[in-house]
Protein backbone atom coordinates (compact mmCIF):
# COMPACT_ATOMS: atom_id res chain seq x y z
CA MET A 1 93.67 88.09 107.66
CA PRO A 2 94.00 89.81 104.25
CA VAL A 3 92.37 88.14 101.25
CA PHE A 4 95.79 87.82 99.62
CA ASP A 5 96.76 85.27 102.27
CA HIS A 6 93.78 83.10 101.36
CA ALA A 7 94.68 83.46 97.70
CA PHE A 8 98.28 82.46 98.40
CA PHE A 9 97.09 79.45 100.40
CA PHE A 10 94.98 78.39 97.40
CA VAL A 11 97.93 78.80 95.03
CA LEU A 12 100.21 76.80 97.33
CA THR A 13 97.82 73.94 98.04
CA VAL A 14 95.77 73.70 94.83
CA ALA A 15 96.93 75.74 91.83
CA TYR A 16 100.68 75.07 91.96
CA PRO A 17 100.39 71.32 92.70
CA ALA A 18 97.75 70.96 89.95
CA ALA A 19 100.02 72.76 87.47
CA SER A 20 102.89 70.46 88.45
CA PHE A 21 100.71 67.36 88.06
CA PHE A 22 99.44 68.21 84.58
CA SER A 23 102.86 69.45 83.49
CA TYR A 24 104.40 66.12 84.51
CA ARG A 25 101.66 64.21 82.67
CA ARG A 26 102.46 66.20 79.52
CA LEU A 27 106.12 65.41 80.03
CA LEU A 28 105.38 61.70 80.17
CA ARG A 29 103.31 61.93 76.99
CA ARG A 30 106.20 63.67 75.22
CA ILE A 31 108.56 60.91 76.28
CA ALA A 32 106.06 58.22 75.24
CA ALA A 33 105.91 59.90 71.83
CA GLY A 34 109.66 59.39 71.42
CA GLU A 35 111.04 62.74 72.63
CA THR A 36 113.99 62.71 75.01
CA VAL A 37 113.88 65.26 77.80
CA ARG A 38 116.99 66.30 79.68
CA PRO A 39 116.64 66.26 83.48
CA THR A 40 118.56 69.55 83.71
CA GLU A 41 115.78 71.38 81.90
CA ILE A 42 113.24 69.92 84.30
CA TYR A 43 115.40 70.99 87.25
CA ARG A 44 115.68 74.56 85.97
CA SER A 45 111.98 74.87 85.26
CA THR A 46 111.13 73.52 88.71
CA MET A 47 113.55 75.91 90.41
CA ILE A 48 112.09 78.87 88.53
CA GLY A 49 108.59 77.90 89.68
CA HIS A 50 109.68 77.41 93.29
CA TRP A 51 111.56 80.70 93.53
CA ALA A 52 108.67 82.56 91.88
CA LEU A 53 106.41 81.22 94.61
CA PHE A 54 108.98 82.20 97.22
CA GLY A 55 109.10 85.71 95.73
CA LEU A 56 105.32 86.04 96.01
CA LEU A 57 105.48 85.10 99.68
CA LEU A 58 108.32 87.57 100.26
CA ILE A 59 106.27 90.37 98.70
CA LEU A 60 103.23 89.39 100.77
CA TRP A 61 105.33 89.47 103.94
CA LEU A 62 107.04 92.77 103.22
CA VAL A 63 103.86 94.58 102.13
CA ASN A 64 102.17 93.60 105.40
CA ASP A 65 105.30 94.39 107.46
CA ARG A 66 105.36 90.99 109.14
CA PRO A 67 108.30 89.63 111.13
CA PHE A 68 110.19 86.83 109.42
CA ALA A 69 110.38 85.07 112.76
CA ALA A 70 106.73 84.16 112.14
CA LEU A 71 107.99 81.96 109.28
CA GLY A 72 110.59 80.32 111.51
CA PHE A 73 113.55 82.52 110.60
CA THR A 74 114.72 82.97 114.17
CA ARG A 75 118.10 83.12 115.88
CA ASP A 76 116.97 81.67 119.20
CA ILE A 77 119.06 78.73 120.36
CA GLY A 78 117.29 77.02 123.23
CA ALA A 79 117.10 73.49 124.54
CA GLY A 80 114.64 72.51 121.81
CA PHE A 81 116.97 73.72 119.08
CA LEU A 82 119.95 71.85 120.54
CA ILE A 83 117.94 68.64 120.81
CA GLY A 84 116.74 69.15 117.25
CA LEU A 85 120.30 69.72 116.09
CA ALA A 86 121.43 66.46 117.66
CA LEU A 87 118.52 64.59 116.05
CA THR A 88 119.27 66.20 112.69
CA VAL A 89 122.90 65.07 112.83
CA VAL A 90 121.82 61.52 113.70
CA MET A 91 119.27 61.44 110.86
CA LEU A 92 121.81 62.78 108.36
CA ILE A 93 124.34 60.13 109.38
CA VAL A 94 121.72 57.40 108.98
CA VAL A 95 120.65 58.72 105.57
CA MET A 96 124.23 58.96 104.30
CA ARG A 97 125.11 55.47 105.51
CA ASN A 98 121.98 53.91 104.03
CA TYR A 99 122.39 55.52 100.63
CA GLY A 100 126.19 55.29 100.58
CA GLY A 101 125.98 51.58 99.87
CA LEU A 102 124.67 52.26 96.35
CA ASP A 103 128.04 53.55 95.09
CA ASP A 104 128.97 50.09 93.77
CA ALA A 105 125.50 48.80 93.05
CA SER A 106 125.16 45.58 91.12
CA GLU A 107 123.05 45.29 88.00
CA LYS A 108 120.39 43.55 90.07
CA THR A 109 120.32 46.49 92.49
CA ARG A 110 120.12 48.99 89.63
CA ASP A 111 117.17 47.10 88.19
CA ALA A 112 115.47 47.20 91.58
CA ILE A 113 116.04 50.96 91.80
CA ARG A 114 114.58 51.48 88.33
CA ARG A 115 111.50 49.47 89.27
CA GLN A 116 111.09 51.38 92.52
CA LEU A 117 111.44 54.77 90.85
CA ALA A 118 109.23 53.76 87.90
CA GLU A 119 108.29 56.94 85.99
CA LEU A 120 110.37 59.09 88.34
CA VAL A 121 113.60 57.65 86.93
CA ILE A 122 113.45 60.33 84.21
CA LEU A 123 113.96 62.98 86.91
CA MET A 124 117.17 61.51 88.29
CA PRO A 125 120.69 62.69 87.34
CA ARG A 126 122.79 60.45 85.07
CA ASP A 127 126.02 62.46 84.68
CA ARG A 128 128.06 64.96 86.70
CA ARG A 129 126.49 68.00 85.11
CA GLU A 130 123.01 66.77 85.88
CA LEU A 131 124.09 65.88 89.42
CA ARG A 132 125.41 69.42 90.04
CA GLU A 133 122.11 70.90 88.92
CA PHE A 134 120.23 68.36 91.00
CA TYR A 135 122.12 69.69 94.01
CA GLY A 136 120.80 73.15 93.13
CA LEU A 137 117.29 71.72 92.97
CA SER A 138 117.81 70.06 96.36
CA VAL A 139 118.85 73.35 97.97
CA THR A 140 115.88 75.07 96.35
CA ALA A 141 113.50 72.42 97.70
CA GLY A 142 115.00 72.68 101.17
CA ILE A 143 114.66 76.45 101.35
CA VAL A 144 111.43 77.07 99.45
CA GLU A 145 109.36 74.04 100.42
CA GLU A 146 110.21 74.32 104.12
CA THR A 147 109.41 78.03 104.13
CA MET A 148 106.08 77.33 102.41
CA TRP A 149 104.92 74.06 103.93
CA ARG A 150 106.23 74.49 107.44
CA GLY A 151 106.81 78.22 107.98
CA TYR A 152 103.86 79.69 106.09
CA MET A 153 101.42 76.82 106.58
CA PHE A 154 101.96 76.73 110.34
CA TRP A 155 101.47 80.51 110.48
CA TYR A 156 98.35 80.44 108.29
CA LEU A 157 96.63 77.43 109.85
CA GLY A 158 97.74 78.47 113.33
CA HIS A 159 95.18 81.29 113.20
CA VAL A 160 92.31 78.80 113.36
CA MET A 161 93.72 75.66 115.01
CA PRO A 162 96.40 74.45 117.44
CA LEU A 163 99.89 73.87 116.03
CA TRP A 164 99.66 70.08 116.28
CA ALA A 165 96.60 70.17 114.01
CA ALA A 166 98.34 72.60 111.66
CA ALA A 167 101.29 70.20 111.51
CA LEU A 168 98.99 67.27 110.68
CA ILE A 169 97.04 69.08 107.96
CA SER A 170 100.12 70.64 106.39
CA THR A 171 101.80 67.22 106.31
CA VAL A 172 98.86 65.67 104.46
CA LEU A 173 98.70 68.58 102.02
CA PHE A 174 102.46 68.37 101.49
CA GLY A 175 102.12 64.73 100.48
CA LEU A 176 99.23 65.50 98.15
CA SER A 177 101.18 68.36 96.56
CA HIS A 178 103.55 65.69 95.23
CA ALA A 179 100.75 63.69 93.60
CA TYR A 180 102.55 63.96 90.25
CA GLN A 181 104.98 61.35 91.63
CA GLY A 182 102.20 58.79 91.72
CA PRO A 183 99.86 57.49 94.47
CA ARG A 184 102.36 55.09 95.99
CA ASN A 185 104.87 57.88 96.67
CA ILE A 186 102.44 60.22 98.43
CA PRO A 187 102.68 58.41 101.81
CA MET A 188 106.49 58.49 101.68
CA VAL A 189 106.52 62.21 100.91
CA ALA A 190 104.00 62.82 103.69
CA LEU A 191 106.17 60.82 106.11
CA ALA A 192 109.17 62.97 105.25
CA GLY A 193 106.99 66.05 105.71
CA ALA A 194 105.95 64.77 109.14
CA VAL A 195 109.62 64.53 110.16
CA PHE A 196 110.28 68.09 108.98
CA ALA A 197 107.12 69.31 110.76
CA ALA A 198 108.11 67.60 114.02
CA LEU A 199 111.57 69.13 113.81
CA TYR A 200 110.04 72.58 113.24
CA LEU A 201 107.69 72.15 116.21
CA LEU A 202 110.55 71.01 118.42
CA THR A 203 112.96 73.80 117.53
CA GLY A 204 110.61 76.66 116.64
CA SER A 205 113.03 77.34 113.79
CA ILE A 206 112.96 76.63 110.07
CA TRP A 207 116.75 76.29 109.72
CA LEU A 208 117.12 72.62 110.68
CA PRO A 209 114.17 71.38 108.59
CA MET A 210 115.70 73.27 105.65
CA LEU A 211 119.08 71.62 106.20
CA LEU A 212 117.65 68.12 106.63
CA HIS A 213 115.37 68.47 103.59
CA ALA A 214 118.10 69.78 101.28
CA VAL A 215 120.73 67.23 102.34
CA PHE A 216 118.26 64.34 102.19
CA ASP A 217 117.27 65.20 98.62
CA ALA A 218 120.89 65.73 97.57
CA VAL A 219 122.09 62.45 99.12
CA GLN A 220 119.22 60.54 97.56
CA GLY A 221 119.94 62.05 94.14
CA ARG A 222 123.65 61.29 94.42
CA ALA A 223 122.95 57.70 95.44
CA VAL A 224 120.70 57.12 92.44
CA TYR A 225 123.27 58.82 90.19
CA LYS A 226 125.97 56.47 91.45
CA ALA A 227 123.72 53.48 90.90
CA LEU A 228 122.57 54.44 87.41
CA ALA A 229 125.59 56.36 86.08
CA LYS A 230 126.81 53.36 84.05
CA GLU A 231 123.78 53.59 81.82
CA ALA A 232 124.17 55.25 78.43
CA PRO A 233 122.97 58.88 78.29
CA PRO A 234 120.03 59.81 76.05
CA ALA A 235 120.94 60.22 72.38
CA GLU A 236 118.45 62.98 71.66
CA GLN A 237 117.94 66.26 73.49
CA PRO A 238 114.73 68.30 73.67
CA ARG A 239 114.39 71.93 72.78
CA SER A 240 112.36 72.88 75.81
CA GLY A 241 111.74 71.55 79.32
CA GLU A 242 108.78 71.27 81.60
CA ARG A 243 108.38 71.77 85.30
CA ALA A 244 108.21 68.56 87.28
């Protein structure tokens, strides 16, 4: 395996998550100092970082003339894919029904959401413009993170271990890559990663994990927007954003 693959693995699992962690800490210090940061600027910065990483992987793949099917971009529709499709539809229905109840959230419910989100509340959309850009971030996360953490990680780790072990390790690393969200959120992120990994193993395709990931993020963001939209928007806007 070329040395560039090992370097990319390091960037994906160590360098990029570390940069995100320290960037988010700086963001919190700016807010603590009295600066107001618009979520849209965080979304844009995050999307730029994600697509830059995706571009590096694309270059790595094209230079080495590798098939994109190795990353899960296949057109095969077998029994596993059809079962995965049915499971995806069921999970999406459950997610939409569970989060749909927040449209008319009471003040008590909004307080509970704020406590649950804690520091992450600054990342959530509060108006329609922010919600639209959050949708863009959700699509970006679905495409880029699934390609990286399922497609590439399974391919890379699959050279030295069985796929079930690659799925386990990539799931743990996926949770740790979101350490900027705080220790208590790492298990939840890892659990979501485990669902995406299982779906990828079942179908042999990256398409359904991408769809489930993007829609889950979008529905979650919309639900929080609906619950918190009655709050007053920030009075001050920053001049520059940071990647979350």
